[in-house]
Amino acid sequence: MLKILLMIVSVALIILSLMQSGKNDGLSGAFTGSEGLNLFANVKERGPEKVISNLTMVVGIAFFVIVIIMSIK
């Protein structure tokens, strides 16, 4: 039962992570030294972006809780 739930949560976490919009130039900007790469910038998310971000955090926490429960049993 927990294995099936873990697979569902894992797929949901992957899909939600892919649905998030990029907040910088991407991988090429990190290597070329783009000025837009500021990991500690205070970026306000609004609307659907905020919902997806919060849902990703909740699903990520659920993933770790399920993994910990499975390791205890």
PDB file of N, CA and C in Angstrom:
ATOM      1  N   MET A   1       0.817  -1.193   0.000  1.00  0.00           N
ATOM      2  CA  MET A   1       0.000   0.000   0.000  1.00  0.00           C
ATOM      3  C   MET A   1       0.862   1.258   0.000  1.00  0.00           C
ATOM      4  N   LEU A   2       1.880   1.285   0.870  1.00  0.00           N
ATOM      5  CA  LEU A   2       2.747   2.458   0.922  1.00  0.00           C
ATOM      6  C   LEU A   2       3.602   2.604  -0.340  1.00  0.00           C
ATOM      7  N   LYS A   3       3.971   1.476  -0.945  1.00  0.00           N
ATOM      8  CA  LYS A   3       4.762   1.543  -2.173  1.00  0.00           C
ATOM      9  C   LYS A   3       3.974   2.188  -3.307  1.00  0.00           C
ATOM     10  N   ILE A   4       2.702   1.842  -3.406  1.00  0.00           N
ATOM     11  CA  ILE A   4       1.850   2.425  -4.444  1.00  0.00           C
ATOM     12  C   ILE A   4       1.663   3.918  -4.196  1.00  0.00           C
ATOM     13  N   LEU A   5       1.440   4.282  -2.932  1.00  0.00           N
ATOM     14  CA  LEU A   5       1.285   5.688  -2.577  1.00  0.00           C
ATOM     15  C   LEU A   5       2.571   6.461  -2.857  1.00  0.00           C
ATOM     16  N   LEU A   6       3.715   5.855  -2.582  1.00  0.00           N
ATOM     17  CA  LEU A   6       5.000   6.499  -2.853  1.00  0.00           C
ATOM     18  C   LEU A   6       5.197   6.721  -4.351  1.00  0.00           C
ATOM     19  N   MET A   7       4.796   5.751  -5.180  1.00  0.00           N
ATOM     20  CA  MET A   7       4.918   5.920  -6.631  1.00  0.00           C
ATOM     21  C   MET A   7       4.026   7.049  -7.134  1.00  0.00           C
ATOM     22  N   ILE A   8       2.808   7.135  -6.619  1.00  0.00           N
ATOM     23  CA  ILE A   8       1.881   8.201  -7.028  1.00  0.00           C
ATOM     24  C   ILE A   8       2.424   9.566  -6.618  1.00  0.00           C
ATOM     25  N   VAL A   9       2.914   9.659  -5.383  1.00  0.00           N
ATOM     26  CA  VAL A   9       3.463  10.930  -4.898  1.00  0.00           C
ATOM     27  C   VAL A   9       4.719  11.300  -5.684  1.00  0.00           C
ATOM     28  N   SER A  10       5.533  10.318  -6.036  1.00  0.00           N
ATOM     29  CA  SER A  10       6.743  10.583  -6.812  1.00  0.00           C
ATOM     30  C   SER A  10       6.417  11.146  -8.190  1.00  0.00           C
ATOM     31  N   VAL A  11       5.456  10.549  -8.858  1.00  0.00           N
ATOM     32  CA  VAL A  11       5.049  11.032 -10.179  1.00  0.00           C
ATOM     33  C   VAL A  11       4.464  12.438 -10.066  1.00  0.00           C
ATOM     34  N   ALA A  12       3.647  12.669  -9.038  1.00  0.00           N
ATOM     35  CA  ALA A  12       3.062  14.001  -8.839  1.00  0.00           C
ATOM     36  C   ALA A  12       4.152  15.037  -8.585  1.00  0.00           C
ATOM     37  N   LEU A  13       5.172  14.666  -7.821  1.00  0.00           N
ATOM     38  CA  LEU A  13       6.263  15.587  -7.530  1.00  0.00           C
ATOM     39  C   LEU A  13       7.059  15.926  -8.792  1.00  0.00           C
ATOM     40  N   ILE A  14       7.300  14.946  -9.626  1.00  0.00           N
ATOM     41  CA  ILE A  14       8.016  15.183 -10.887  1.00  0.00           C
ATOM     42  C   ILE A  14       7.207  16.096 -11.796  1.00  0.00           C
ATOM     43  N   ILE A  15       5.922  15.824 -11.933  1.00  0.00           N
ATOM     44  CA  ILE A  15       5.066  16.637 -12.806  1.00  0.00           C
ATOM     45  C   ILE A  15       4.984  18.074 -12.295  1.00  0.00           C
ATOM     46  N   LEU A  16       4.790  18.240 -10.982  1.00  0.00           N
ATOM     47  CA  LEU A  16       4.706  19.590 -10.423  1.00  0.00           C
ATOM     48  C   LEU A  16       6.028  20.344 -10.573  1.00  0.00           C
ATOM     49  N   SER A  17       7.141  19.650 -10.441  1.00  0.00           N
ATOM     50  CA  SER A  17       8.439  20.307 -10.616  1.00  0.00           C
ATOM     51  C   SER A  17       8.631  20.773 -12.054  1.00  0.00           C
ATOM     52  N   LEU A  18       8.185  19.968 -13.001  1.00  0.00           N
ATOM     53  CA  LEU A  18       8.320  20.341 -14.413  1.00  0.00           C
ATOM     54  C   LEU A  18       7.368  21.467 -14.805  1.00  0.00           C
ATOM     55  N   MET A  19       6.251  21.592 -14.089  1.00  0.00           N
ATOM     56  CA  MET A  19       5.282  22.634 -14.407  1.00  0.00           C
ATOM     57  C   MET A  19       5.712  24.017 -13.925  1.00  0.00           C
ATOM     58  N   GLN A  20       6.666  24.071 -13.009  1.00  0.00           N
ATOM     59  CA  GLN A  20       7.101  25.367 -12.498  1.00  0.00           C
ATOM     60  C   GLN A  20       7.886  26.115 -13.558  1.00  0.00           C
ATOM     61  N   SER A  21       7.657  27.420 -13.610  1.00  0.00           N
ATOM     62  CA  SER A  21       8.379  28.233 -14.581  1.00  0.00           C
ATOM     63  C   SER A  21       9.768  28.531 -14.057  1.00  0.00           C
ATOM     64  N   GLY A  22      10.697  28.672 -14.970  1.00  0.00           N
ATOM     65  CA  GLY A  22      12.062  28.983 -14.581  1.00  0.00           C
ATOM     66  C   GLY A  22      12.169  30.415 -14.090  1.00  0.00           C
ATOM     67  N   LYS A  23      12.985  30.631 -13.068  1.00  0.00           N
ATOM     68  CA  LYS A  23      13.123  31.965 -12.510  1.00  0.00           C
ATOM     69  C   LYS A  23      14.437  32.622 -12.930  1.00  0.00           C
ATOM     70  N   ASN A  24      15.155  31.984 -13.832  1.00  0.00           N
ATOM     71  CA  ASN A  24      16.398  32.577 -14.324  1.00  0.00           C
ATOM     72  C   ASN A  24      16.586  32.167 -15.782  1.00  0.00           C
ATOM     73  N   ASP A  25      17.777  32.400 -16.286  1.00  0.00           N
ATOM     74  CA  ASP A  25      18.064  32.120 -17.694  1.00  0.00           C
ATOM     75  C   ASP A  25      18.230  30.649 -17.996  1.00  0.00           C
ATOM     76  N   GLY A  26      18.277  29.822 -16.990  1.00  0.00           N
ATOM     77  CA  GLY A  26      18.474  28.402 -17.207  1.00  0.00           C
ATOM     78  C   GLY A  26      19.919  28.012 -16.980  1.00  0.00           C
ATOM     79  N   LEU A  27      20.252  26.838 -17.425  1.00  0.00           N
ATOM     80  CA  LEU A  27      21.582  26.289 -17.192  1.00  0.00           C
ATOM     81  C   LEU A  27      22.652  27.059 -17.953  1.00  0.00           C
ATOM     82  N   SER A  28      22.338  27.536 -19.135  1.00  0.00           N
ATOM     83  CA  SER A  28      23.336  28.280 -19.906  1.00  0.00           C
ATOM     84  C   SER A  28      23.690  29.595 -19.223  1.00  0.00           C
ATOM     85  N   GLY A  29      22.735  30.230 -18.569  1.00  0.00           N
ATOM     86  CA  GLY A  29      23.016  31.469 -17.853  1.00  0.00           C
ATOM     87  C   GLY A  29      23.919  31.253 -16.661  1.00  0.00           C
ATOM     88  N   ALA A  30      23.836  30.089 -16.048  1.00  0.00           N
ATOM     89  CA  ALA A  30      24.685  29.791 -14.898  1.00  0.00           C
ATOM     90  C   ALA A  30      26.143  29.632 -15.327  1.00  0.00           C
ATOM     91  N   PHE A  31      26.388  29.068 -16.510  1.00  0.00           N
ATOM     92  CA  PHE A  31      27.756  28.842 -16.958  1.00  0.00           C
ATOM     93  C   PHE A  31      28.366  30.074 -17.622  1.00  0.00           C
ATOM     94  N   THR A  32      27.551  30.905 -18.258  1.00  0.00           N
ATOM     95  CA  THR A  32      28.091  32.065 -18.953  1.00  0.00           C
ATOM     96  C   THR A  32      28.219  33.274 -18.045  1.00  0.00           C
ATOM     97  N   GLY A  33      27.745  33.187 -16.824  1.00  0.00           N
ATOM     98  CA  GLY A  33      27.877  34.299 -15.892  1.00  0.00           C
ATOM     99  C   GLY A  33      26.859  35.390 -16.131  1.00  0.00           C
ATOM    100  N   SER A  34      25.663  35.024 -16.443  1.00  0.00           N
ATOM    101  CA  SER A  34      24.611  36.001 -16.686  1.00  0.00           C
ATOM    102  C   SER A  34      24.330  36.799 -15.418  1.00  0.00           C
ATOM    103  N   GLU A  35      24.058  38.089 -15.587  1.00  0.00           N
ATOM    104  CA  GLU A  35      23.783  38.931 -14.436  1.00  0.00           C
ATOM    105  C   GLU A  35      22.429  38.620 -13.813  1.00  0.00           C
ATOM    106  N   GLY A  36      21.559  37.938 -14.516  1.00  0.00           N
ATOM    107  CA  GLY A  36      20.233  37.631 -14.003  1.00  0.00           C
ATOM    108  C   GLY A  36      20.205  36.487 -13.005  1.00  0.00           C
ATOM    109  N   LEU A  37      21.330  35.839 -12.778  1.00  0.00           N
ATOM    110  CA  LEU A  37      21.369  34.703 -11.862  1.00  0.00           C
ATOM    111  C   LEU A  37      21.606  35.195 -10.445  1.00  0.00           C
ATOM    112  N   ASN A  38      20.534  35.318  -9.688  1.00  0.00           N
ATOM    113  CA  ASN A  38      20.620  35.695  -8.286  1.00  0.00           C
ATOM    114  C   ASN A  38      19.744  34.729  -7.512  1.00  0.00           C
ATOM    115  N   LEU A  39      20.371  33.763  -6.876  1.00  0.00           N
ATOM    116  CA  LEU A  39      19.620  32.710  -6.209  1.00  0.00           C
ATOM    117  C   LEU A  39      18.879  33.205  -4.986  1.00  0.00           C
ATOM    118  N   PHE A  40      19.304  34.331  -4.414  1.00  0.00           N
ATOM    119  CA  PHE A  40      18.702  34.827  -3.194  1.00  0.00           C
ATOM    120  C   PHE A  40      17.793  36.028  -3.443  1.00  0.00           C
ATOM    121  N   ALA A  41      17.374  36.220  -4.667  1.00  0.00           N
ATOM    122  CA  ALA A  41      16.475  37.330  -4.987  1.00  0.00           C
ATOM    123  C   ALA A  41      15.095  37.062  -4.407  1.00  0.00           C
ATOM    124  N   ASN A  42      14.456  38.112  -3.963  1.00  0.00           N
ATOM    125  CA  ASN A  42      13.124  37.998  -3.382  1.00  0.00           C
ATOM    126  C   ASN A  42      12.103  38.099  -4.508  1.00  0.00           C
ATOM    127  N   VAL A  43      11.672  36.957  -5.013  1.00  0.00           N
ATOM    128  CA  VAL A  43      10.742  36.900  -6.134  1.00  0.00           C
ATOM    129  C   VAL A  43       9.365  36.558  -5.605  1.00  0.00           C
ATOM    130  N   LYS A  44       8.402  37.419  -5.874  1.00  0.00           N
ATOM    131  CA  LYS A  44       7.030  37.175  -5.424  1.00  0.00           C
ATOM    132  C   LYS A  44       6.300  36.338  -6.470  1.00  0.00           C
ATOM    133  N   GLU A  45       5.738  35.234  -6.020  1.00  0.00           N
ATOM    134  CA  GLU A  45       4.946  34.403  -6.915  1.00  0.00           C
ATOM    135  C   GLU A  45       3.484  34.788  -6.734  1.00  0.00           C
ATOM    136  N   ARG A  46       2.755  34.815  -7.827  1.00  0.00           N
ATOM    137  CA  ARG A  46       1.352  35.187  -7.768  1.00  0.00           C
ATOM    138  C   ARG A  46       0.527  34.208  -8.605  1.00  0.00           C
ATOM    139  N   GLY A  47      -0.713  34.068  -8.214  1.00  0.00           N
ATOM    140  CA  GLY A  47      -1.670  33.277  -8.983  1.00  0.00           C
ATOM    141  C   GLY A  47      -1.314  31.817  -9.056  1.00  0.00           C
ATOM    142  N   PRO A  48      -1.388  31.253 -10.259  1.00  0.00           N
ATOM    143  CA  PRO A  48      -1.148  29.818 -10.429  1.00  0.00           C
ATOM    144  C   PRO A  48       0.274  29.406 -10.057  1.00  0.00           C
ATOM    145  N   GLU A  49       1.247  30.291 -10.242  1.00  0.00           N
ATOM    146  CA  GLU A  49       2.626  29.954  -9.885  1.00  0.00           C
ATOM    147  C   GLU A  49       2.754  29.694  -8.391  1.00  0.00           C
ATOM    148  N   LYS A  50       2.059  30.489  -7.595  1.00  0.00           N
ATOM    149  CA  LYS A  50       2.114  30.315  -6.142  1.00  0.00           C
ATOM    150  C   LYS A  50       1.436  29.018  -5.728  1.00  0.00           C
ATOM    151  N   VAL A  51       0.312  28.702  -6.376  1.00  0.00           N
ATOM    152  CA  VAL A  51      -0.402  27.458  -6.066  1.00  0.00           C
ATOM    153  C   VAL A  51       0.464  26.256  -6.396  1.00  0.00           C
ATOM    154  N   ILE A  52       1.099  26.263  -7.571  1.00  0.00           N
ATOM    155  CA  ILE A  52       1.952  25.148  -7.984  1.00  0.00           C
ATOM    156  C   ILE A  52       3.157  25.034  -7.052  1.00  0.00           C
ATOM    157  N   SER A  53       3.734  26.162  -6.666  1.00  0.00           N
ATOM    158  CA  SER A  53       4.879  26.149  -5.766  1.00  0.00           C
ATOM    159  C   SER A  53       4.507  25.581  -4.397  1.00  0.00           C
ATOM    160  N   ASN A  54       3.383  26.019  -3.857  1.00  0.00           N
ATOM    161  CA  ASN A  54       2.945  25.506  -2.556  1.00  0.00           C
ATOM    162  C   ASN A  54       2.581  24.028  -2.625  1.00  0.00           C
ATOM    163  N   LEU A  55       1.931  23.623  -3.714  1.00  0.00           N
ATOM    164  CA  LEU A  55       1.556  22.226  -3.886  1.00  0.00           C
ATOM    165  C   LEU A  55       2.797  21.343  -4.030  1.00  0.00           C
ATOM    166  N   THR A  56       3.819  21.847  -4.714  1.00  0.00           N
ATOM    167  CA  THR A  56       5.070  21.109  -4.842  1.00  0.00           C
ATOM    168  C   THR A  56       5.714  20.915  -3.482  1.00  0.00           C
ATOM    169  N   MET A  57       5.683  21.947  -2.644  1.00  0.00           N
ATOM    170  CA  MET A  57       6.255  21.836  -1.303  1.00  0.00           C
ATOM    171  C   MET A  57       5.498  20.813  -0.463  1.00  0.00           C
ATOM    172  N   VAL A  58       4.167  20.818  -0.535  1.00  0.00           N
ATOM    173  CA  VAL A  58       3.356  19.871   0.233  1.00  0.00           C
ATOM    174  C   VAL A  58       3.607  18.441  -0.235  1.00  0.00           C
ATOM    175  N   VAL A  59       3.657  18.236  -1.546  1.00  0.00           N
ATOM    176  CA  VAL A  59       3.885  16.896  -2.088  1.00  0.00           C
ATOM    177  C   VAL A  59       5.302  16.431  -1.752  1.00  0.00           C
ATOM    178  N   GLY A  60       6.277  17.350  -1.760  1.00  0.00           N
ATOM    179  CA  GLY A  60       7.644  16.994  -1.382  1.00  0.00           C
ATOM    180  C   GLY A  60       7.739  16.569   0.074  1.00  0.00           C
ATOM    181  N   ILE A  61       7.041  17.278   0.946  1.00  0.00           N
ATOM    182  CA  ILE A  61       7.014  16.896   2.364  1.00  0.00           C
ATOM    183  C   ILE A  61       6.349  15.538   2.532  1.00  0.00           C
ATOM    184  N   ALA A  62       5.253  15.317   1.802  1.00  0.00           N
ATOM    185  CA  ALA A  62       4.564  14.021   1.859  1.00  0.00           C
ATOM    186  C   ALA A  62       5.480  12.894   1.384  1.00  0.00           C
ATOM    187  N   PHE A  63       6.273  13.170   0.363  1.00  0.00           N
ATOM    188  CA  PHE A  63       7.224  12.176  -0.153  1.00  0.00           C
ATOM    189  C   PHE A  63       8.206  11.759   0.944  1.00  0.00           C
ATOM    190  N   PHE A  64       8.800  12.742   1.614  1.00  0.00           N
ATOM    191  CA  PHE A  64       9.776  12.422   2.647  1.00  0.00           C
ATOM    192  C   PHE A  64       9.142  11.722   3.842  1.00  0.00           C
ATOM    193  N   VAL A  65       7.922  12.100   4.193  1.00  0.00           N
ATOM    194  CA  VAL A  65       7.237  11.441   5.303  1.00  0.00           C
ATOM    195  C   VAL A  65       6.974   9.973   4.969  1.00  0.00           C
ATOM    196  N   ILE A  66       6.534   9.708   3.753  1.00  0.00           N
ATOM    197  CA  ILE A  66       6.255   8.327   3.343  1.00  0.00           C
ATOM    198  C   ILE A  66       7.546   7.501   3.329  1.00  0.00           C
ATOM    199  N   VAL A  67       8.634   8.097   2.836  1.00  0.00           N
ATOM    200  CA  VAL A  67       9.919   7.381   2.805  1.00  0.00           C
ATOM    201  C   VAL A  67      10.393   7.062   4.223  1.00  0.00           C
ATOM    202  N   ILE A  68      10.234   8.003   5.139  1.00  0.00           N
ATOM    203  CA  ILE A  68      10.646   7.757   6.531  1.00  0.00           C
ATOM    204  C   ILE A  68       9.786   6.668   7.155  1.00  0.00           C
ATOM    205  N   ILE A  69       8.475   6.714   6.908  1.00  0.00           N
ATOM    206  CA  ILE A  69       7.584   5.671   7.452  1.00  0.00           C
ATOM    207  C   ILE A  69       7.963   4.307   6.886  1.00  0.00           C
ATOM    208  N   MET A  70       8.286   4.244   5.586  1.00  0.00           N
ATOM    209  CA  MET A  70       8.661   2.969   4.990  1.00  0.00           C
ATOM    210  C   MET A  70       9.992   2.446   5.540  1.00  0.00           C
ATOM    211  N   SER A  71      10.904   3.348   5.872  1.00  0.00           N
ATOM    212  CA  SER A  71      12.195   2.901   6.399  1.00  0.00           C
ATOM    213  C   SER A  71      12.072   2.414   7.846  1.00  0.00           C
ATOM    214  N   ILE A  72      11.096   2.917   8.579  1.00  0.00           N
ATOM    215  CA  ILE A  72      10.895   2.487   9.962  1.00  0.00           C
ATOM    216  C   ILE A  72      10.269   1.091  10.006  1.00  0.00           C
ATOM    217  N   LYS A  73       9.348   0.822   9.092  1.00  0.00           N
ATOM    218  CA  LYS A  73       8.652  -0.474   9.093  1.00  0.00           C
ATOM    219  C   LYS A  73       9.535  -1.589   8.596  1.00  0.00           C
TER     220      LYS A  73
END
